C-alpha cells in the first residue's frame, strides 16, 4: 500500500470511529451483526476504539537561521565625581561708623547781631545804640545776616542794612549787599546803591539815577535827608558827571552803560 492509500484508509477509519461513537448500533458493511451496544457513555468507558494514527507528513526542516552574535555593550566606567572646590568665604570688612562732624559752635558776634536786628525799634534809641555796638565789634558776620534782608518787617530789613553797609569788605559781603538792590522799598534800594557805587558795582548806578526822581526822605534819617539829594551826590562824586535833570542822567547812562568801568576810585568810560 502506498502512502496515498494509507492516508485515505486512515481517514476512513477515523470517520468510522466517529460514527460509532455517535450511533453505536450502526453495523459495519460486510461484517457480522454487532452485539447489542451499550450507551454512548458505556461504550466510551469500556471499549475505547483505537484510532489509527495517520502517518506523519514529512515537513521540510528549515535551514537553521544563523543566530546573530550578541552585541557587546561596553560597560561604562565609573563616573568620576568632581571634587567640590571650596568657595572661600569672604570675610566681611568691619563696618566703619562714620564719625559725626562736630556741630559748629555759633559765633557769639553773629548771635548778638541777629538779636540786635530782630529787637530794633525805630522809636527806641536804645535799640539803635545796640546796633552801633554790633558795628563797633565788627567781625566777619555779614554773610550770616543775609537772611534778614528777606524779612517781611521793613524795620528789620533796615536794621540789617544799617549793620551790613559799614561791615561790607569782601566780595562775599558785596554779594550779600547786592540783594538789597531789589528791595521793595525804594529808600532801601537807594541806601544799598549808595554803598555799592563806591565798591565798583556798576549795577548801582541806574538805581541811583531812579532815586533822583524820588520825593521822600532817606529812611530813618534825622534830620530827614531827601533821597534825590543823596542820589545826586553819590552819582556826581563817583562818575565825575553832573546833569540838571533825571532825564539827562538817563540819557548819559544809555550812552555809556556798555563802556563804563570801575577804576578803583571812580568810573571811567572806554
Protein backbone atom coordinates (compact mmCIF):
# COMPACT_ATOMS: atom_id res chain seq x y z
CA UNK A 1 0.00 0.00 0.00
CA UNK A 2 1.45 3.25 -0.99
CA UNK A 3 1.46 6.35 1.15
CA UNK A 4 -1.60 7.89 -0.53
CA UNK A 5 -3.68 4.77 0.14
CA UNK A 6 -2.54 4.73 3.73
CA UNK A 7 -3.69 8.30 4.20
CA UNK A 8 -7.17 7.54 2.75
CA UNK A 9 -7.57 4.36 4.82
CA UNK A 10 -6.55 6.17 7.96
CA UNK A 11 -9.02 8.94 7.31
CA UNK A 12 -11.84 6.43 6.71
CA UNK A 13 -11.11 4.69 9.94
CA UNK A 14 -11.25 7.98 11.83
CA UNK A 15 -14.59 8.84 10.24
CA UNK A 16 -15.96 5.36 11.04
CA UNK A 17 -14.90 5.69 14.62
CA UNK A 18 -16.70 8.98 14.92
CA UNK A 19 -19.87 7.43 13.53
CA UNK A 20 -19.66 4.56 16.05
CA UNK A 21 -19.24 6.97 18.83
CA UNK A 22 -22.38 8.83 17.78
CA UNK A 23 -24.52 5.73 16.99
CA UNK A 24 -23.16 2.52 18.45
CA UNK A 25 -25.84 0.36 16.67
CA UNK A 26 -24.74 1.14 13.16
CA UNK A 27 -23.31 -2.08 11.61
CA UNK A 28 -20.17 -2.09 9.62
CA UNK A 29 -20.81 -3.07 5.97
CA UNK A 30 -19.73 -6.66 5.20
CA UNK A 31 -19.41 -7.66 8.83
CA UNK A 32 -21.47 -9.77 11.19
CA UNK A 33 -24.31 -8.19 13.08
CA UNK A 34 -22.97 -6.38 16.03
CA UNK A 35 -23.81 -7.28 19.54
CA UNK A 36 -26.16 -5.07 21.46
CA UNK A 37 -24.33 -1.89 22.21
CA UNK A 38 -24.11 -0.06 25.40
CA UNK A 39 -24.87 3.58 25.75
CA UNK A 40 -22.52 6.19 24.48
CA UNK A 41 -21.09 6.71 27.88
CA UNK A 42 -20.61 2.93 28.50
CA UNK A 43 -19.05 2.43 25.11
CA UNK A 44 -16.53 5.14 25.82
CA UNK A 45 -15.76 3.74 29.22
CA UNK A 46 -15.44 0.05 28.37
CA UNK A 47 -14.31 -0.25 24.79
CA UNK A 48 -12.33 2.66 23.65
CA UNK A 49 -11.68 2.46 19.95
CA UNK A 50 -8.13 2.73 18.98
CA UNK A 51 -7.96 5.37 16.33
CA UNK A 52 -5.49 4.81 13.62
CA UNK A 53 -2.76 7.40 13.85
CA UNK A 54 -2.17 8.92 10.46
CA UNK A 55 1.31 8.71 9.11
CA UNK A 56 3.15 11.89 9.75
CA UNK A 57 3.58 14.07 6.73
CA UNK A 58 7.17 14.87 6.06
CA UNK A 59 7.75 18.55 6.77
CA UNK A 60 10.68 20.29 5.28
CA UNK A 61 13.02 21.29 8.02
CA UNK A 62 14.04 24.91 7.55
CA UNK A 63 17.67 25.68 7.41
CA UNK A 64 18.86 26.82 10.75
CA UNK A 65 18.93 30.62 10.96
CA UNK A 66 22.24 31.95 11.98
CA UNK A 67 21.93 33.33 15.45
CA UNK A 68 23.34 36.87 15.46
CA UNK A 69 26.18 37.37 17.79
CA UNK A 70 25.13 39.34 20.79
CA UNK A 71 26.21 42.93 20.59
CA UNK A 72 28.61 43.69 23.30
CA UNK A 73 27.62 46.82 25.10
CA UNK A 74 30.61 48.46 26.63
CA UNK A 75 30.31 48.72 30.33
CA UNK A 76 30.65 52.40 31.25
CA UNK A 77 33.43 53.09 33.59
CA UNK A 78 32.71 54.64 36.93
CA UNK A 79 31.88 58.33 36.63
CA UNK A 80 34.42 60.41 38.36
CA UNK A 81 32.78 62.57 40.98
CA UNK A 82 34.08 66.10 40.55
CA UNK A 83 35.75 67.49 43.55
CA UNK A 84 33.88 70.30 45.12
CA UNK A 85 36.02 73.38 45.04
CA UNK A 86 35.61 75.07 48.36
CA UNK A 87 34.36 78.63 47.93
CA UNK A 88 36.39 80.90 50.07
CA UNK A 89 34.14 82.79 52.41
CA UNK A 90 34.71 86.48 52.08
CA UNK A 91 35.40 87.89 55.45
CA UNK A 92 33.21 90.98 55.75
CA UNK A 93 35.16 94.08 56.36
CA UNK A 94 34.36 95.71 59.61
CA UNK A 95 31.77 98.43 59.17
CA UNK A 96 33.22 101.79 59.84
CA UNK A 97 30.86 104.00 61.69
CA UNK A 98 31.28 107.48 60.30
CA UNK A 99 32.44 109.91 62.85
CA UNK A 100 29.82 112.63 63.11
CA UNK A 101 31.11 116.03 62.21
CA UNK A 102 31.23 118.32 65.16
CA UNK A 103 28.41 120.81 65.28
CA UNK A 104 29.89 124.22 64.67
CA UNK A 105 29.63 126.48 67.64
CA UNK A 106 27.60 129.57 66.76
CA UNK A 107 29.66 132.74 66.56
CA UNK A 108 28.67 134.91 69.54
CA UNK A 109 29.12 138.00 67.35
CA UNK A 110 26.61 136.65 64.82
CA UNK A 111 24.15 135.71 67.56
CA UNK A 112 24.35 139.19 69.04
CA UNK A 113 23.98 140.87 65.62
CA UNK A 114 20.90 138.83 64.79
CA UNK A 115 19.38 139.53 68.19
CA UNK A 116 20.06 143.28 67.82
CA UNK A 117 18.47 143.40 64.36
CA UNK A 118 15.38 141.48 65.49
CA UNK A 119 14.99 143.78 68.51
CA UNK A 120 15.30 147.04 66.55
CA UNK A 121 12.57 149.58 67.19
CA UNK A 122 12.89 152.95 65.42
CA UNK A 123 11.14 154.60 68.36
CA UNK A 124 13.60 153.21 70.90
CA UNK A 125 17.06 154.85 70.81
CA UNK A 126 18.48 152.01 72.91
CA UNK A 127 17.91 149.52 70.11
CA UNK A 128 19.80 151.79 67.68
CA UNK A 129 22.64 152.04 70.18
CA UNK A 130 22.74 148.23 70.31
CA UNK A 131 23.20 148.13 66.51
CA UNK A 132 26.09 150.60 66.84
CA UNK A 133 27.73 148.27 69.35
CA UNK A 134 27.49 145.37 66.86
CA UNK A 135 29.17 147.51 64.18
CA UNK A 136 31.91 148.56 66.60
CA UNK A 137 32.75 144.92 67.44
CA UNK A 138 32.96 144.10 63.73
CA UNK A 139 33.88 140.60 62.60
CA UNK A 140 33.07 138.51 59.55
CA UNK A 141 29.33 138.43 60.19
CA UNK A 142 27.79 139.86 57.00
CA UNK A 143 27.13 136.51 55.20
CA UNK A 144 25.31 135.23 58.28
CA UNK A 145 22.93 138.21 58.17
CA UNK A 146 21.75 137.82 54.57
CA UNK A 147 18.52 136.09 55.56
CA UNK A 148 17.48 139.23 57.44
CA UNK A 149 17.36 141.16 54.15
CA UNK A 150 14.38 138.96 53.19
CA UNK A 151 12.42 139.64 56.39
CA UNK A 152 8.85 140.83 55.87
CA UNK A 153 9.30 143.51 58.53
CA UNK A 154 10.81 146.67 56.93
CA UNK A 155 12.25 147.81 60.29
CA UNK A 156 14.31 144.60 60.48
CA UNK A 157 15.44 144.93 56.87
CA UNK A 158 16.59 148.50 57.59
CA UNK A 159 18.41 147.41 60.76
CA UNK A 160 20.16 144.66 58.77
CA UNK A 161 21.25 147.24 56.16
CA UNK A 162 22.42 149.55 58.94
CA UNK A 163 24.80 146.83 60.17
CA UNK A 164 25.80 145.32 56.82
CA UNK A 165 26.75 148.55 54.97
CA UNK A 166 29.70 149.61 57.20
CA UNK A 167 30.92 145.98 57.59
CA UNK A 168 30.95 145.13 53.85
CA UNK A 169 34.55 144.47 52.80
CA UNK A 170 34.91 141.18 50.93
CA UNK A 171 33.36 140.01 47.63
CA UNK A 172 31.11 137.72 49.68
CA UNK A 173 29.92 140.72 51.68
CA UNK A 174 29.27 142.68 48.48
CA UNK A 175 27.19 139.81 47.10
CA UNK A 176 25.02 139.97 50.24
CA UNK A 177 24.55 143.72 49.98
CA UNK A 178 23.54 143.46 46.31
CA UNK A 179 20.45 141.56 47.45
CA UNK A 180 19.08 144.87 48.77
CA UNK A 181 19.15 146.41 45.26
CA UNK A 182 15.91 144.52 44.70
CA UNK A 183 14.21 145.52 47.94
CA UNK A 184 10.54 146.55 47.53
CA UNK A 185 11.23 149.77 49.47
CA UNK A 186 12.82 152.35 47.09
CA UNK A 187 14.55 154.06 50.04
CA UNK A 188 16.33 150.80 50.98
CA UNK A 189 17.36 150.30 47.34
CA UNK A 190 18.97 153.75 47.26
CA UNK A 191 20.80 153.16 50.56
CA UNK A 192 22.27 149.90 49.19
CA UNK A 193 23.19 151.57 45.87
CA UNK A 194 24.88 154.49 47.68
CA UNK A 195 27.12 151.93 49.46
CA UNK A 196 27.82 149.78 46.40
CA UNK A 197 28.69 152.53 43.92
CA UNK A 198 31.88 153.22 45.89
CA UNK A 199 32.78 149.49 45.73
CA UNK A 200 32.78 149.21 41.94
CA UNK A 201 29.30 147.69 41.50
CA UNK A 202 28.09 149.16 38.17
CA UNK A 203 24.53 147.91 38.76
CA UNK A 204 24.16 150.54 41.48
CA UNK A 205 24.29 153.49 39.03
CA UNK A 206 20.83 153.04 37.41
CA UNK A 207 19.30 152.57 40.90
CA UNK A 208 20.71 155.95 41.97
CA UNK A 209 19.52 157.57 38.74
CA UNK A 210 15.98 156.41 39.57
CA UNK A 211 16.48 157.86 43.08
CA UNK A 212 16.81 161.32 41.51
CA UNK A 213 13.05 161.31 40.91
CA UNK A 214 12.06 160.28 44.47
CA UNK A 215 10.46 162.89 46.71
CA UNK A 216 10.66 161.11 50.08
CA UNK A 217 13.46 161.37 52.54
CA UNK A 218 16.12 158.86 53.42
CA UNK A 219 14.53 156.26 55.76
CA UNK A 220 15.09 156.85 59.49
CA UNK A 221 17.36 159.87 58.85
CA UNK A 222 17.29 162.72 61.36
CA UNK A 223 17.02 165.36 60.21
CA UNK A 224 15.32 163.94 57.11
CA UNK A 225 17.57 163.88 54.06
CA UNK A 226 15.93 163.77 50.59
CA UNK A 227 16.68 160.63 48.58
CA UNK A 228 17.09 162.71 45.41
CA UNK A 229 19.85 164.76 47.05
CA UNK A 230 21.60 161.65 48.39
CA UNK A 231 21.46 160.04 44.92
CA UNK A 232 22.82 163.10 43.09
CA UNK A 233 25.78 163.50 45.46
CA UNK A 234 26.76 159.83 45.06
CA UNK A 235 26.49 159.94 41.25
CA UNK A 236 28.48 163.16 40.84
CA UNK A 237 31.20 162.04 43.26
CA UNK A 238 31.94 158.66 41.65
CA UNK A 239 31.21 159.34 37.95
CA UNK A 240 32.60 162.88 37.68
CA UNK A 241 29.48 163.85 35.71
CA UNK A 242 26.84 166.49 36.52
CA UNK A 243 23.41 166.87 34.88
CA UNK A 244 20.44 169.03 35.76
CA UNK A 245 17.61 166.57 35.32
CA UNK A 246 16.98 162.88 35.84
CA UNK A 247 16.29 162.50 32.10
CA UNK A 248 19.74 163.88 31.29
CA UNK A 249 21.28 161.31 33.63
CA UNK A 250 19.29 158.54 31.94
CA UNK A 251 20.46 159.62 28.51
CA UNK A 252 24.07 159.63 29.69
CA UNK A 253 23.66 156.15 31.20
CA UNK A 254 22.19 154.74 27.99
CA UNK A 255 25.20 156.01 26.06
CA UNK A 256 27.90 154.64 28.38
CA UNK A 257 26.38 151.57 30.04
CA UNK A 258 28.29 149.15 27.76
CA UNK A 259 31.60 151.05 28.12
CA UNK A 260 31.74 152.16 31.73
CA UNK A 261 34.17 150.52 34.15
CA UNK A 262 35.47 150.83 37.70
CA UNK A 263 38.92 152.41 38.04
CA UNK A 264 39.36 151.66 41.71
CA UNK A 265 38.43 155.14 42.83
CA UNK A 266 35.64 156.05 40.43
CA UNK A 267 34.21 155.25 36.98
CA UNK A 268 35.69 155.79 33.55
CA UNK A 269 34.32 155.35 30.04
CA UNK A 270 36.22 153.43 27.31
